[in-house]
C-alpha atoms as a PDB file:
ATOM      1  CA  UNK A   1     167.974  68.625  72.868  1.00  0.00           C
ATOM      2  CA  UNK A   2     169.530  72.036  72.659  1.00  0.00           C
ATOM      3  CA  UNK A   3     168.531  74.429  75.423  1.00  0.00           C
ATOM      4  CA  UNK A   4     170.196  77.679  76.276  1.00  0.00           C
ATOM      5  CA  UNK A   5     169.346  79.292  79.587  1.00  0.00           C
ATOM      6  CA  UNK A   6     170.375  82.448  81.353  1.00  0.00           C
ATOM      7  CA  UNK A   7     169.177  84.415  84.342  1.00  0.00           C
ATOM      8  CA  UNK A   8     167.713  87.849  83.632  1.00  0.00           C
ATOM      9  CA  UNK A   9     166.620  89.548  86.845  1.00  0.00           C
ATOM     10  CA  UNK A  10     164.329  87.144  88.679  1.00  0.00           C
ATOM     11  CA  UNK A  11     163.656  85.116  85.519  1.00  0.00           C
ATOM     12  CA  UNK A  12     165.315  82.118  83.967  1.00  0.00           C
ATOM     13  CA  UNK A  13     165.035  82.581  80.207  1.00  0.00           C
ATOM     14  CA  UNK A  14     165.189  79.230  78.428  1.00  0.00           C
ATOM     15  CA  UNK A  15     165.702  79.373  74.674  1.00  0.00           C
ATOM     16  CA  UNK A  16     164.645  76.176  72.967  1.00  0.00           C
ATOM     17  CA  UNK A  17     167.132  75.802  70.123  1.00  0.00           C
ATOM     18  CA  UNK A  18     165.168  73.090  68.316  1.00  0.00           C
ATOM     19  CA  UNK A  19     162.883  73.450  65.312  1.00  0.00           C
ATOM     20  CA  UNK A  20     160.580  70.786  66.709  1.00  0.00           C
ATOM     21  CA  UNK A  21     159.350  70.206  70.236  1.00  0.00           C
ATOM     22  CA  UNK A  22     158.076  66.691  69.683  1.00  0.00           C
ATOM     23  CA  UNK A  23     158.206  63.179  71.124  1.00  0.00           C
ATOM     24  CA  UNK A  24     161.873  62.880  70.158  1.00  0.00           C
ATOM     25  CA  UNK A  25     162.967  65.700  72.490  1.00  0.00           C
ATOM     26  CA  UNK A  26     160.067  66.021  74.960  1.00  0.00           C
ATOM     27  CA  UNK A  27     161.400  63.629  77.611  1.00  0.00           C
ATOM     28  CA  UNK A  28     164.837  65.260  77.765  1.00  0.00           C
ATOM     29  CA  UNK A  29     163.225  68.715  77.738  1.00  0.00           C
ATOM     30  CA  UNK A  30     160.939  67.840  80.657  1.00  0.00           C
ATOM     31  CA  UNK A  31     163.795  66.272  82.651  1.00  0.00           C
ATOM     32  CA  UNK A  32     166.100  69.263  82.137  1.00  0.00           C
ATOM     33  CA  UNK A  33     163.357  71.738  83.059  1.00  0.00           C
ATOM     34  CA  UNK A  34     162.435  69.734  86.170  1.00  0.00           C
ATOM     35  CA  UNK A  35     166.085  69.862  87.253  1.00  0.00           C
ATOM     36  CA  UNK A  36     166.244  73.630  86.711  1.00  0.00           C
ATOM     37  CA  UNK A  37     163.032  74.179  88.683  1.00  0.00           C
ATOM     38  CA  UNK A  38     164.233  71.942  91.501  1.00  0.00           C
ATOM     39  CA  UNK A  39     167.379  74.114  91.679  1.00  0.00           C
ATOM     40  CA  UNK A  40     165.125  77.060  92.568  1.00  0.00           C
ATOM     41  CA  UNK A  41     164.300  78.602  89.188  1.00  0.00           C
ATOM     42  CA  UNK A  42     160.585  79.239  89.523  1.00  0.00           C
ATOM     43  CA  UNK A  43     160.033  82.205  87.188  1.00  0.00           C
ATOM     44  CA  UNK A  44     160.652  80.822  83.730  1.00  0.00           C
ATOM     45  CA  UNK A  45     160.309  82.297  80.265  1.00  0.00           C
ATOM     46  CA  UNK A  46     160.358  79.892  77.323  1.00  0.00           C
ATOM     47  CA  UNK A  47     161.748  81.625  74.243  1.00  0.00           C
ATOM     48  CA  UNK A  48     160.219  79.510  71.481  1.00  0.00           C
ATOM     49  CA  UNK A  49     161.341  81.678  68.576  1.00  0.00           C
ATOM     50  CA  UNK A  50     163.281  78.754  67.041  1.00  0.00           C
ATOM     51  CA  UNK A  51     160.423  76.241  67.389  1.00  0.00           C
ATOM     52  CA  UNK A  52     158.312  75.772  64.259  1.00  0.00           C
ATOM     53  CA  UNK A  53     156.374  72.688  65.369  1.00  0.00           C
ATOM     54  CA  UNK A  54     155.013  71.290  68.625  1.00  0.00           C
ATOM     55  CA  UNK A  55     153.152  68.006  68.982  1.00  0.00           C
ATOM     56  CA  UNK A  56     151.148  66.529  71.854  1.00  0.00           C
ATOM     57  CA  UNK A  57     154.297  65.190  73.533  1.00  0.00           C
ATOM     58  CA  UNK A  58     155.955  68.608  73.396  1.00  0.00           C
ATOM     59  CA  UNK A  59     152.819  70.287  74.672  1.00  0.00           C
ATOM     60  CA  UNK A  60     152.581  67.686  77.436  1.00  0.00           C
ATOM     61  CA  UNK A  61     156.149  68.519  78.468  1.00  0.00           C
ATOM     62  CA  UNK A  62     155.314  72.244  78.627  1.00  0.00           C
ATOM     63  CA  UNK A  63     152.218  71.489  80.724  1.00  0.00           C
ATOM     64  CA  UNK A  64     154.312  69.262  82.995  1.00  0.00           C
ATOM     65  CA  UNK A  65     156.756  72.135  83.560  1.00  0.00           C
ATOM     66  CA  UNK A  66     153.834  74.488  84.260  1.00  0.00           C
ATOM     67  CA  UNK A  67     152.445  72.066  86.855  1.00  0.00           C
ATOM     68  CA  UNK A  68     155.866  71.469  88.409  1.00  0.00           C
ATOM     69  CA  UNK A  69     156.267  75.207  89.006  1.00  0.00           C
ATOM     70  CA  UNK A  70     152.796  75.325  90.552  1.00  0.00           C
ATOM     71  CA  UNK A  71     152.202  78.250  92.888  1.00  0.00           C
ATOM     72  CA  UNK A  72     155.945  78.750  93.469  1.00  0.00           C
ATOM     73  CA  UNK A  73     156.395  80.942  90.397  1.00  0.00           C
ATOM     74  CA  UNK A  74     155.254  81.498  86.828  1.00  0.00           C
ATOM     75  CA  UNK A  75     155.793  80.319  83.280  1.00  0.00           C
ATOM     76  CA  UNK A  76     155.701  82.713  80.330  1.00  0.00           C
ATOM     77  CA  UNK A  77     156.124  81.890  76.659  1.00  0.00           C
ATOM     78  CA  UNK A  78     157.493  84.258  74.055  1.00  0.00           C
ATOM     79  CA  UNK A  79     158.308  84.153  70.368  1.00  0.00           C
ATOM     80  CA  UNK A  80     155.812  81.418  69.474  1.00  0.00           C
ATOM     81  CA  UNK A  81     155.498  80.819  65.724  1.00  0.00           C
ATOM     82  CA  UNK A  82     152.142  80.685  63.974  1.00  0.00           C
ATOM     83  CA  UNK A  83     152.221  76.876  64.053  1.00  0.00           C
ATOM     84  CA  UNK A  84     152.961  76.735  67.773  1.00  0.00           C
ATOM     85  CA  UNK A  85     150.283  79.363  68.480  1.00  0.00           C
ATOM     86  CA  UNK A  86     147.759  77.326  66.489  1.00  0.00           C
ATOM     87  CA  UNK A  87     148.364  74.309  68.757  1.00  0.00           C
ATOM     88  CA  UNK A  88     148.216  76.459  71.900  1.00  0.00           C
ATOM     89  CA  UNK A  89     144.905  77.957  70.769  1.00  0.00           C
ATOM     90  CA  UNK A  90     143.466  74.626  69.632  1.00  0.00           C
ATOM     91  CA  UNK A  91     144.173  73.113  73.042  1.00  0.00           C
ATOM     92  CA  UNK A  92     143.149  76.350  74.798  1.00  0.00           C
ATOM     93  CA  UNK A  93     146.514  76.537  76.520  1.00  0.00           C
ATOM     94  CA  UNK A  94     146.676  80.157  75.355  1.00  0.00           C
ATOM     95  CA  UNK A  95     144.097  80.801  78.087  1.00  0.00           C
ATOM     96  CA  UNK A  96     146.215  79.106  80.754  1.00  0.00           C
ATOM     97  CA  UNK A  97     149.728  80.242  79.839  1.00  0.00           C
ATOM     98  CA  UNK A  98     150.824  83.844  79.451  1.00  0.00           C
ATOM     99  CA  UNK A  99     152.117  84.296  75.922  1.00  0.00           C
ATOM    100  CA  UNK A 100     154.091  87.300  74.690  1.00  0.00           C
ATOM    101  CA  UNK A 101     155.338  88.295  71.260  1.00  0.00           C
ATOM    102  CA  UNK A 102     158.836  89.165  72.438  1.00  0.00           C
ATOM    103  CA  UNK A 103     161.302  88.298  75.181  1.00  0.00           C
ATOM    104  CA  UNK A 104     161.337  91.920  76.330  1.00  0.00           C
ATOM    105  CA  UNK A 105     157.562  91.917  76.787  1.00  0.00           C
ATOM    106  CA  UNK A 106     157.739  88.701  78.790  1.00  0.00           C
ATOM    107  CA  UNK A 107     160.499  90.083  80.998  1.00  0.00           C
ATOM    108  CA  UNK A 108     158.560  93.182  82.036  1.00  0.00           C
ATOM    109  CA  UNK A 109     155.290  91.328  82.677  1.00  0.00           C
END
């Protein structure tokens, strides 16, 4: 699992450097994100501009991160491809998560 993360202001921007967020990488992704949240990073932006595909395991990992943050912070998503957006809309997660077209838009929200 390739993740790149950096702090921008009060946000931890996590760039998912995988083409697929699926069962193969979901467990490692969830574990790494849980560690980062437990270290005090509660305002997270997922830059998904490299992700072309997300399955139920990947979506479950994103939801797990969202729940782990809880009321302590927020989770924003940016750069979602058409395929990822289709899954988010199909599961109605687009109504739960804040989704932005660009990283800049997510940072100022």
